[in-house]
N, C-alpha and C. Protein backbone atom coordinates (compact mmCIF):
# COMPACT_ATOMS: atom_id res chain seq x y z
N MET A 1 11.59 -6.07 7.48
CA MET A 1 10.77 -5.58 8.56
C MET A 1 10.68 -6.54 9.75
N PRO A 2 11.49 -7.59 9.81
CA PRO A 2 11.39 -8.46 10.97
C PRO A 2 11.82 -7.76 12.25
N ASP A 3 12.56 -6.67 12.14
CA ASP A 3 12.98 -5.93 13.32
C ASP A 3 11.80 -5.35 14.07
N ILE A 4 10.72 -5.06 13.39
CA ILE A 4 9.56 -4.42 14.01
C ILE A 4 9.06 -5.24 15.19
N SER A 5 8.94 -6.54 15.01
CA SER A 5 8.44 -7.40 16.07
C SER A 5 9.37 -7.38 17.29
N SER A 6 10.66 -7.47 17.05
CA SER A 6 11.59 -7.47 18.18
C SER A 6 11.66 -6.10 18.85
N ILE A 7 11.59 -5.04 18.07
CA ILE A 7 11.59 -3.68 18.65
C ILE A 7 10.32 -3.48 19.48
N ALA A 8 9.20 -3.94 18.96
CA ALA A 8 7.93 -3.79 19.68
C ALA A 8 7.95 -4.59 20.98
N SER A 9 8.57 -5.76 20.95
CA SER A 9 8.62 -6.57 22.17
C SER A 9 9.45 -5.90 23.26
N GLU A 10 10.37 -5.02 22.84
CA GLU A 10 11.16 -4.26 23.80
C GLU A 10 10.43 -3.00 24.26
N GLY A 11 9.32 -2.68 23.60
CA GLY A 11 8.51 -1.53 23.98
C GLY A 11 9.04 -0.20 23.48
N GLU A 12 9.93 -0.22 22.50
CA GLU A 12 10.53 1.02 21.98
C GLU A 12 9.85 1.42 20.67
N LEU A 13 8.66 2.00 20.78
CA LEU A 13 7.88 2.36 19.60
C LEU A 13 8.54 3.45 18.77
N ALA A 14 9.34 4.32 19.37
CA ALA A 14 10.02 5.37 18.61
C ALA A 14 10.99 4.77 17.60
N LYS A 15 11.61 3.65 17.94
CA LYS A 15 12.53 2.99 17.00
C LYS A 15 11.79 2.45 15.78
N ILE A 16 10.53 2.08 15.97
CA ILE A 16 9.74 1.58 14.84
C ILE A 16 9.55 2.69 13.82
N SER A 17 9.25 3.87 14.30
CA SER A 17 9.10 5.02 13.41
C SER A 17 10.39 5.28 12.64
N ASN A 18 11.53 5.19 13.32
CA ASN A 18 12.82 5.38 12.66
C ASN A 18 13.07 4.31 11.61
N THR A 19 12.68 3.08 11.90
CA THR A 19 12.85 1.99 10.94
C THR A 19 12.00 2.23 9.70
N ILE A 20 10.76 2.64 9.90
CA ILE A 20 9.88 2.93 8.76
C ILE A 20 10.46 4.07 7.93
N GLN A 21 10.92 5.11 8.60
CA GLN A 21 11.48 6.27 7.89
C GLN A 21 12.75 5.91 7.12
N SER A 22 13.48 4.91 7.56
CA SER A 22 14.68 4.52 6.82
C SER A 22 14.36 3.58 5.65
N VAL A 23 13.26 2.83 5.75
CA VAL A 23 12.88 1.89 4.70
C VAL A 23 12.09 2.55 3.57
N LEU A 24 11.23 3.51 3.90
CA LEU A 24 10.38 4.15 2.89
C LEU A 24 11.17 4.76 1.73
N PRO A 25 12.20 5.54 1.99
CA PRO A 25 12.94 6.12 0.85
C PRO A 25 13.53 5.06 -0.08
N LEU A 26 13.99 3.95 0.47
CA LEU A 26 14.55 2.89 -0.36
C LEU A 26 13.49 2.31 -1.29
N SER A 27 12.30 2.15 -0.76
CA SER A 27 11.20 1.62 -1.56
C SER A 27 10.79 2.61 -2.64
N ILE A 28 10.69 3.86 -2.26
CA ILE A 28 10.23 4.90 -3.19
C ILE A 28 11.26 5.19 -4.27
N ILE A 29 12.53 5.11 -3.93
CA ILE A 29 13.58 5.45 -4.90
C ILE A 29 13.59 4.47 -6.09
N ILE A 30 13.08 3.30 -5.89
CA ILE A 30 12.99 2.33 -6.97
C ILE A 30 11.71 2.53 -7.78
N VAL A 31 10.61 2.80 -7.09
CA VAL A 31 9.31 2.87 -7.74
C VAL A 31 9.14 4.15 -8.56
N ILE A 32 9.60 5.28 -8.06
CA ILE A 32 9.35 6.55 -8.76
C ILE A 32 9.98 6.59 -10.15
N PRO A 33 11.23 6.18 -10.34
CA PRO A 33 11.76 6.17 -11.71
C PRO A 33 11.00 5.22 -12.64
N ALA A 34 10.59 4.07 -12.12
CA ALA A 34 9.81 3.12 -12.94
C ALA A 34 8.46 3.72 -13.30
N MET A 35 7.84 4.39 -12.34
CA MET A 35 6.55 5.03 -12.58
C MET A 35 6.71 6.15 -13.61
N ALA A 36 7.72 6.97 -13.45
CA ALA A 36 7.94 8.06 -14.40
C ALA A 36 8.23 7.51 -15.80
N GLY A 37 9.03 6.46 -15.87
CA GLY A 37 9.33 5.85 -17.16
C GLY A 37 8.10 5.31 -17.84
N ALA A 38 7.24 4.67 -17.09
CA ALA A 38 6.01 4.11 -17.67
C ALA A 38 5.07 5.21 -18.12
N VAL A 39 4.99 6.29 -17.35
CA VAL A 39 4.11 7.40 -17.73
C VAL A 39 4.66 8.12 -18.95
N LEU A 40 5.96 8.39 -18.96
CA LEU A 40 6.56 9.15 -20.07
C LEU A 40 6.74 8.32 -21.34
N PHE A 41 7.09 7.05 -21.16
CA PHE A 41 7.43 6.22 -22.32
C PHE A 41 6.55 4.99 -22.46
N GLY A 42 5.37 5.02 -21.84
CA GLY A 42 4.47 3.87 -21.88
C GLY A 42 4.15 3.36 -23.27
N PRO A 43 3.74 4.24 -24.19
CA PRO A 43 3.42 3.75 -25.54
C PRO A 43 4.62 3.08 -26.23
N GLU A 44 5.79 3.67 -26.05
CA GLU A 44 6.99 3.08 -26.67
C GLU A 44 7.33 1.73 -26.04
N ILE A 45 7.22 1.65 -24.73
CA ILE A 45 7.52 0.40 -24.04
C ILE A 45 6.58 -0.71 -24.52
N VAL A 46 5.30 -0.40 -24.58
CA VAL A 46 4.32 -1.40 -25.01
C VAL A 46 4.54 -1.75 -26.48
N TYR A 47 4.82 -0.75 -27.30
CA TYR A 47 5.04 -1.00 -28.74
C TYR A 47 6.21 -1.96 -28.96
N TYR A 48 7.34 -1.70 -28.30
CA TYR A 48 8.52 -2.54 -28.52
C TYR A 48 8.43 -3.88 -27.80
N ALA A 49 7.75 -3.94 -26.67
CA ALA A 49 7.64 -5.20 -25.94
C ALA A 49 6.60 -6.12 -26.56
N PHE A 50 5.56 -5.53 -27.16
CA PHE A 50 4.49 -6.33 -27.74
C PHE A 50 4.35 -5.94 -29.21
N THR A 51 3.27 -5.29 -29.57
CA THR A 51 3.11 -4.80 -30.94
C THR A 51 2.27 -3.53 -30.90
N GLU A 52 2.10 -2.93 -32.06
CA GLU A 52 1.37 -1.67 -32.15
C GLU A 52 -0.08 -1.79 -31.69
N GLU A 53 -0.69 -2.94 -31.89
CA GLU A 53 -2.10 -3.08 -31.52
C GLU A 53 -2.32 -3.00 -30.01
N TYR A 54 -1.28 -3.19 -29.21
CA TYR A 54 -1.42 -3.14 -27.76
C TYR A 54 -1.04 -1.79 -27.16
N VAL A 55 -0.66 -0.83 -27.98
CA VAL A 55 -0.25 0.49 -27.48
C VAL A 55 -1.38 1.15 -26.69
N VAL A 56 -2.61 0.86 -27.03
CA VAL A 56 -3.75 1.42 -26.30
C VAL A 56 -3.69 1.05 -24.82
N ALA A 57 -3.04 -0.03 -24.47
CA ALA A 57 -2.92 -0.47 -23.08
C ALA A 57 -1.89 0.34 -22.30
N SER A 58 -1.16 1.21 -22.98
CA SER A 58 -0.12 1.98 -22.28
C SER A 58 -0.70 2.92 -21.23
N VAL A 59 -1.92 3.39 -21.41
CA VAL A 59 -2.55 4.24 -20.39
C VAL A 59 -2.80 3.41 -19.13
N GLY A 60 -3.31 2.20 -19.32
CA GLY A 60 -3.51 1.29 -18.19
C GLY A 60 -2.20 0.97 -17.48
N LEU A 61 -1.12 0.79 -18.26
CA LEU A 61 0.20 0.55 -17.69
C LEU A 61 0.63 1.73 -16.83
N SER A 62 0.42 2.93 -17.32
CA SER A 62 0.80 4.13 -16.56
C SER A 62 0.03 4.21 -15.25
N VAL A 63 -1.25 3.95 -15.31
CA VAL A 63 -2.08 4.00 -14.09
C VAL A 63 -1.63 2.92 -13.11
N LEU A 64 -1.33 1.73 -13.61
CA LEU A 64 -0.88 0.66 -12.73
C LEU A 64 0.48 0.93 -12.12
N MET A 65 1.31 1.69 -12.80
CA MET A 65 2.60 2.05 -12.20
C MET A 65 2.40 3.03 -11.05
N ILE A 66 1.39 3.86 -11.12
CA ILE A 66 1.06 4.72 -9.99
C ILE A 66 0.59 3.84 -8.82
N GLN A 67 -0.15 2.80 -9.14
CA GLN A 67 -0.59 1.84 -8.12
C GLN A 67 0.61 1.21 -7.42
N ARG A 68 1.67 0.94 -8.17
CA ARG A 68 2.88 0.33 -7.58
C ARG A 68 3.49 1.23 -6.52
N PHE A 69 3.39 2.54 -6.72
CA PHE A 69 3.86 3.51 -5.72
C PHE A 69 3.12 3.29 -4.41
N PHE A 70 1.79 3.23 -4.48
CA PHE A 70 0.99 3.00 -3.28
C PHE A 70 1.28 1.62 -2.69
N GLN A 71 1.42 0.64 -3.56
CA GLN A 71 1.66 -0.72 -3.08
C GLN A 71 2.99 -0.83 -2.34
N SER A 72 4.01 -0.15 -2.82
CA SER A 72 5.32 -0.24 -2.15
C SER A 72 5.25 0.30 -0.72
N MET A 73 4.49 1.37 -0.53
CA MET A 73 4.34 1.91 0.83
C MET A 73 3.38 1.07 1.66
N TYR A 74 2.31 0.62 1.03
CA TYR A 74 1.33 -0.21 1.73
C TYR A 74 1.99 -1.45 2.32
N MET A 75 2.88 -2.08 1.57
CA MET A 75 3.52 -3.30 2.04
C MET A 75 4.35 -3.04 3.29
N ILE A 76 5.02 -1.90 3.34
CA ILE A 76 5.82 -1.57 4.52
C ILE A 76 4.91 -1.37 5.73
N PHE A 77 3.82 -0.63 5.54
CA PHE A 77 2.92 -0.37 6.65
C PHE A 77 2.18 -1.63 7.10
N GLU A 78 1.81 -2.48 6.15
CA GLU A 78 1.14 -3.73 6.51
C GLU A 78 2.07 -4.63 7.33
N ARG A 79 3.30 -4.75 6.89
CA ARG A 79 4.25 -5.58 7.64
C ARG A 79 4.54 -5.00 9.01
N THR A 80 4.50 -3.68 9.11
CA THR A 80 4.68 -3.05 10.41
C THR A 80 3.52 -3.41 11.33
N LEU A 81 2.30 -3.32 10.84
CA LEU A 81 1.14 -3.70 11.66
C LEU A 81 1.24 -5.16 12.09
N GLN A 82 1.65 -6.02 11.18
CA GLN A 82 1.78 -7.43 11.53
C GLN A 82 2.91 -7.65 12.53
N GLY A 83 3.99 -6.88 12.39
CA GLY A 83 5.09 -6.97 13.35
C GLY A 83 4.67 -6.48 14.73
N LEU A 84 3.69 -5.59 14.77
CA LEU A 84 3.16 -5.11 16.05
C LEU A 84 2.05 -6.02 16.56
N ASP A 85 1.90 -7.17 15.92
CA ASP A 85 0.87 -8.16 16.28
C ASP A 85 -0.53 -7.58 16.14
N GLN A 86 -0.75 -6.87 15.03
CA GLN A 86 -2.05 -6.28 14.75
C GLN A 86 -2.57 -6.73 13.37
N PRO A 87 -2.59 -8.04 13.11
CA PRO A 87 -3.08 -8.49 11.81
C PRO A 87 -4.56 -8.16 11.60
N ASN A 88 -5.28 -7.97 12.71
CA ASN A 88 -6.70 -7.62 12.59
C ASN A 88 -6.87 -6.25 11.92
N LEU A 89 -5.99 -5.30 12.23
CA LEU A 89 -6.07 -3.98 11.60
C LEU A 89 -5.72 -4.07 10.12
N ALA A 90 -4.70 -4.86 9.80
CA ALA A 90 -4.32 -5.03 8.40
C ALA A 90 -5.44 -5.73 7.62
N ALA A 91 -6.06 -6.71 8.23
CA ALA A 91 -7.16 -7.42 7.56
C ALA A 91 -8.37 -6.51 7.35
N ARG A 92 -8.67 -5.68 8.31
CA ARG A 92 -9.80 -4.76 8.18
C ARG A 92 -9.57 -3.82 7.00
N ALA A 93 -8.36 -3.29 6.88
CA ALA A 93 -8.05 -2.39 5.77
C ALA A 93 -8.16 -3.12 4.43
N LYS A 94 -7.73 -4.36 4.39
CA LYS A 94 -7.83 -5.14 3.15
C LYS A 94 -9.28 -5.37 2.75
N VAL A 95 -10.12 -5.67 3.72
CA VAL A 95 -11.54 -5.91 3.42
C VAL A 95 -12.19 -4.64 2.88
N VAL A 96 -11.92 -3.50 3.51
CA VAL A 96 -12.48 -2.23 3.05
C VAL A 96 -12.00 -1.94 1.63
N ALA A 97 -10.69 -2.10 1.38
CA ALA A 97 -10.14 -1.84 0.05
C ALA A 97 -10.71 -2.81 -0.99
N PHE A 98 -10.93 -4.05 -0.59
CA PHE A 98 -11.51 -5.04 -1.50
C PHE A 98 -12.92 -4.64 -1.91
N VAL A 99 -13.73 -4.25 -0.94
CA VAL A 99 -15.10 -3.85 -1.24
C VAL A 99 -15.11 -2.63 -2.16
N VAL A 100 -14.27 -1.66 -1.87
CA VAL A 100 -14.18 -0.47 -2.73
C VAL A 100 -13.73 -0.86 -4.13
N ASN A 101 -12.77 -1.78 -4.22
CA ASN A 101 -12.27 -2.24 -5.52
C ASN A 101 -13.39 -2.88 -6.33
N VAL A 102 -14.16 -3.76 -5.70
CA VAL A 102 -15.26 -4.44 -6.40
C VAL A 102 -16.31 -3.43 -6.87
N LEU A 103 -16.71 -2.53 -5.98
CA LEU A 103 -17.74 -1.55 -6.34
C LEU A 103 -17.27 -0.62 -7.46
N LEU A 104 -16.03 -0.15 -7.37
CA LEU A 104 -15.51 0.72 -8.43
C LEU A 104 -15.35 -0.04 -9.75
N ASN A 105 -14.95 -1.29 -9.66
CA ASN A 105 -14.85 -2.09 -10.89
C ASN A 105 -16.21 -2.23 -11.56
N LEU A 106 -17.23 -2.48 -10.76
CA LEU A 106 -18.59 -2.59 -11.32
C LEU A 106 -19.03 -1.28 -11.97
N ALA A 107 -18.58 -0.17 -11.42
CA ALA A 107 -18.98 1.13 -11.96
C ALA A 107 -18.13 1.57 -13.14
N LEU A 108 -16.83 1.32 -13.09
CA LEU A 108 -15.93 1.90 -14.10
C LEU A 108 -15.55 0.99 -15.26
N VAL A 109 -15.46 -0.29 -15.03
CA VAL A 109 -15.02 -1.19 -16.10
C VAL A 109 -15.97 -1.18 -17.30
N PRO A 110 -17.29 -1.18 -17.09
CA PRO A 110 -18.17 -1.16 -18.26
C PRO A 110 -17.99 0.08 -19.14
N THR A 111 -17.65 1.20 -18.54
CA THR A 111 -17.52 2.44 -19.33
C THR A 111 -16.09 2.75 -19.72
N ASP A 112 -15.13 2.40 -18.85
CA ASP A 112 -13.74 2.79 -19.09
C ASP A 112 -12.81 1.62 -19.38
N GLY A 113 -13.30 0.41 -19.30
CA GLY A 113 -12.51 -0.77 -19.67
C GLY A 113 -11.25 -0.94 -18.84
N LEU A 114 -10.15 -1.20 -19.54
CA LEU A 114 -8.87 -1.47 -18.90
C LEU A 114 -8.41 -0.32 -18.02
N VAL A 115 -8.58 0.89 -18.46
CA VAL A 115 -8.16 2.05 -17.67
C VAL A 115 -9.01 2.15 -16.40
N GLY A 116 -10.29 1.85 -16.50
CA GLY A 116 -11.15 1.84 -15.31
C GLY A 116 -10.71 0.80 -14.31
N ALA A 117 -10.36 -0.39 -14.80
CA ALA A 117 -9.89 -1.45 -13.91
C ALA A 117 -8.57 -1.06 -13.24
N ALA A 118 -7.68 -0.47 -14.01
CA ALA A 118 -6.40 -0.02 -13.45
C ALA A 118 -6.63 1.09 -12.42
N ALA A 119 -7.55 1.99 -12.71
CA ALA A 119 -7.84 3.09 -11.78
C ALA A 119 -8.43 2.55 -10.47
N THR A 120 -9.32 1.56 -10.55
CA THR A 120 -9.91 1.03 -9.33
C THR A 120 -8.86 0.31 -8.48
N THR A 121 -7.95 -0.37 -9.13
CA THR A 121 -6.87 -1.03 -8.40
C THR A 121 -5.99 0.01 -7.72
N THR A 122 -5.69 1.09 -8.43
CA THR A 122 -4.87 2.16 -7.87
C THR A 122 -5.57 2.80 -6.67
N VAL A 123 -6.85 3.09 -6.81
CA VAL A 123 -7.61 3.71 -5.71
C VAL A 123 -7.66 2.77 -4.51
N SER A 124 -7.90 1.48 -4.74
CA SER A 124 -8.01 0.56 -3.61
C SER A 124 -6.68 0.40 -2.88
N TYR A 125 -5.56 0.38 -3.59
CA TYR A 125 -4.27 0.31 -2.92
C TYR A 125 -3.97 1.61 -2.18
N GLY A 126 -4.34 2.74 -2.77
CA GLY A 126 -4.16 4.01 -2.08
C GLY A 126 -4.97 4.06 -0.80
N LEU A 127 -6.22 3.62 -0.86
CA LEU A 127 -7.08 3.57 0.32
C LEU A 127 -6.50 2.63 1.37
N ASN A 128 -6.05 1.47 0.94
CA ASN A 128 -5.46 0.50 1.85
C ASN A 128 -4.26 1.10 2.57
N MET A 129 -3.41 1.80 1.82
CA MET A 129 -2.24 2.44 2.42
C MET A 129 -2.66 3.50 3.44
N ILE A 130 -3.65 4.31 3.08
CA ILE A 130 -4.12 5.36 3.99
C ILE A 130 -4.68 4.76 5.28
N LEU A 131 -5.44 3.68 5.15
CA LEU A 131 -5.99 3.02 6.34
C LEU A 131 -4.89 2.45 7.23
N HIS A 132 -3.85 1.89 6.62
CA HIS A 132 -2.73 1.37 7.40
C HIS A 132 -2.02 2.50 8.14
N VAL A 133 -1.77 3.61 7.45
CA VAL A 133 -1.12 4.75 8.08
C VAL A 133 -1.97 5.27 9.23
N SER A 134 -3.27 5.36 9.01
CA SER A 134 -4.19 5.83 10.06
C SER A 134 -4.13 4.91 11.28
N ASP A 135 -4.14 3.61 11.04
CA ASP A 135 -4.07 2.66 12.15
C ASP A 135 -2.75 2.79 12.91
N LEU A 136 -1.65 2.95 12.19
CA LEU A 136 -0.36 3.11 12.85
C LEU A 136 -0.31 4.41 13.66
N ARG A 137 -0.87 5.47 13.11
CA ARG A 137 -0.89 6.74 13.85
C ARG A 137 -1.71 6.61 15.13
N GLN A 138 -2.85 5.93 15.04
CA GLN A 138 -3.66 5.73 16.24
C GLN A 138 -2.93 4.88 17.26
N LEU A 139 -2.21 3.90 16.78
CA LEU A 139 -1.46 3.03 17.67
C LEU A 139 -0.38 3.81 18.41
N TYR A 140 0.27 4.74 17.71
CA TYR A 140 1.33 5.54 18.32
C TYR A 140 0.78 6.68 19.17
N SER A 141 -0.27 7.34 18.71
CA SER A 141 -0.70 8.57 19.36
C SER A 141 -1.59 8.35 20.59
N SER A 142 -2.16 7.19 20.74
CA SER A 142 -3.02 6.97 21.90
C SER A 142 -2.57 5.72 22.65
N PRO A 143 -1.54 5.87 23.46
CA PRO A 143 -1.02 4.69 24.17
C PRO A 143 -2.04 4.06 25.11
N ARG A 144 -3.03 4.84 25.56
CA ARG A 144 -4.05 4.28 26.44
C ARG A 144 -5.02 3.40 25.68
N ARG A 145 -5.12 3.65 24.37
CA ARG A 145 -6.05 2.86 23.57
C ARG A 145 -5.55 1.41 23.42
N TYR A 146 -4.22 1.27 23.38
CA TYR A 146 -3.63 -0.06 23.24
C TYR A 146 -2.78 -0.36 24.46
N GLN A 147 -2.85 -1.57 24.92
CA GLN A 147 -2.04 -1.97 26.06
C GLN A 147 -1.11 -3.09 25.65
N LYS A 148 0.10 -3.04 26.19
CA LYS A 148 1.08 -4.07 25.88
C LYS A 148 0.89 -5.24 26.85
N VAL A 149 0.68 -6.42 26.26
CA VAL A 149 0.52 -7.64 27.05
C VAL A 149 1.37 -8.71 26.38
N ASP A 150 2.32 -9.25 27.10
CA ASP A 150 3.20 -10.29 26.58
C ASP A 150 3.85 -9.90 25.26
N GLY A 151 4.32 -8.67 25.15
CA GLY A 151 5.04 -8.23 23.97
C GLY A 151 4.17 -7.83 22.80
N ALA A 152 2.85 -7.87 22.94
CA ALA A 152 1.95 -7.48 21.84
C ALA A 152 1.01 -6.40 22.34
N TYR A 153 0.50 -5.61 21.41
CA TYR A 153 -0.41 -4.53 21.76
C TYR A 153 -1.84 -4.95 21.51
N PHE A 154 -2.69 -4.74 22.51
CA PHE A 154 -4.09 -5.12 22.41
C PHE A 154 -4.97 -3.94 22.82
N GLN A 155 -6.17 -3.94 22.28
CA GLN A 155 -7.16 -2.96 22.71
C GLN A 155 -7.80 -3.47 23.98
N PRO A 156 -7.86 -2.62 25.02
CA PRO A 156 -8.52 -3.07 26.25
C PRO A 156 -10.02 -3.27 26.01
N ALA A 157 -10.59 -4.18 26.74
CA ALA A 157 -12.02 -4.48 26.58
C ALA A 157 -12.89 -3.37 27.13
């Protein structure tokens, strides 16, 4: 994703969208088979990798593999925001996701244990990804909201 910064400095935002669209399928094509394998064969994977007593963790493994799907996309969008010199937007999304993660962990871990912890991680990464996508859409759809100054985009005062 280092191209994002140089493309943004040239002011060609449409190329950034094309770059994201070319990178996303590559990321997803790796994660989806791994996610499907963990969901379909989770108990067997855990049984052979560890022992029978840990098979109960296979549900948590399946949920965490779904989280990896969100994480793979989140990383692309986060790096895009940073390439557009918008680390403040990426940081804001991380803080919101962190707070949601902590609150959900406090609510779900006592009752659901490992699966609750895995679910909260999955939800927080999904939320983080959604916030990044929302920020990128706002950046693209409202050019008056952001102004280019010295190759970076800033919100006018």
